Amino acid sequence: MDLRILKSDLRFGDLHISEFIRIQCECSDVAFRSHLAVANGNDQPSF
């Protein structure tokens, strides 16, 4: 992955990409997918 992306102003939804990556690294897989599902407006995520 090109870490230079962290220095740009790219956004992922309402999160800066650096914040998105931090969340992705800190959350467990299921919790992260649940977070994405909620962010995408899916109230009942399926795994």
Protein backbone atom coordinates (compact mmCIF):
# COMPACT_ATOMS: atom_id res chain seq x y z
CA MET A 1 0.00 0.00 0.00
CA ASP A 2 1.21 3.47 -0.84
CA LEU A 3 1.30 5.37 2.45
CA ARG A 4 1.58 8.67 0.59
CA ILE A 5 -2.20 8.50 0.36
CA LEU A 6 -2.27 9.48 4.03
CA LYS A 7 -0.86 12.89 3.13
CA SER A 8 -3.56 13.63 0.61
CA ASP A 9 -7.06 14.91 1.33
CA LEU A 10 -8.81 11.80 0.03
CA ARG A 11 -11.92 10.92 1.96
CA PHE A 12 -13.69 7.63 2.65
CA GLY A 13 -17.31 8.50 3.34
CA ASP A 14 -17.17 11.07 6.13
CA LEU A 15 -13.79 9.89 7.41
CA HIS A 16 -10.38 10.99 6.27
CA ILE A 17 -8.57 8.01 4.79
CA SER A 18 -6.02 8.09 7.62
CA GLU A 19 -8.81 7.79 10.18
CA PHE A 20 -10.40 4.99 8.16
CA ILE A 21 -7.09 3.09 8.14
CA ARG A 22 -6.63 3.65 11.89
CA ILE A 23 -10.10 2.27 12.56
CA GLN A 24 -9.46 -0.68 10.25
CA CYS A 25 -6.25 -1.52 12.11
CA GLU A 26 -7.74 -1.19 15.60
CA CYS A 27 -11.06 -2.98 15.17
CA SER A 28 -11.62 -6.69 15.03
CA ASP A 29 -12.76 -8.00 11.66
CA VAL A 30 -16.39 -8.45 12.66
CA ALA A 31 -16.58 -5.15 14.51
CA PHE A 32 -15.03 -3.37 11.55
CA ARG A 33 -17.45 -4.92 9.06
CA SER A 34 -20.30 -3.96 11.38
CA HIS A 35 -18.97 -0.38 11.46
CA LEU A 36 -18.85 -0.32 7.66
CA ALA A 37 -22.37 -1.72 7.42
CA VAL A 38 -23.68 0.99 9.74
CA ALA A 39 -21.74 3.65 7.83
CA ASN A 40 -23.31 2.38 4.62
CA GLY A 41 -26.80 2.61 6.11
CA ASN A 42 -27.35 -1.12 6.54
CA ASP A 43 -29.05 -1.61 9.91
CA GLN A 44 -28.76 -5.39 9.83
CA PRO A 45 -25.36 -6.34 8.40
CA SER A 46 -24.92 -9.92 7.28
CA PHE A 47 -21.60 -11.68 7.67
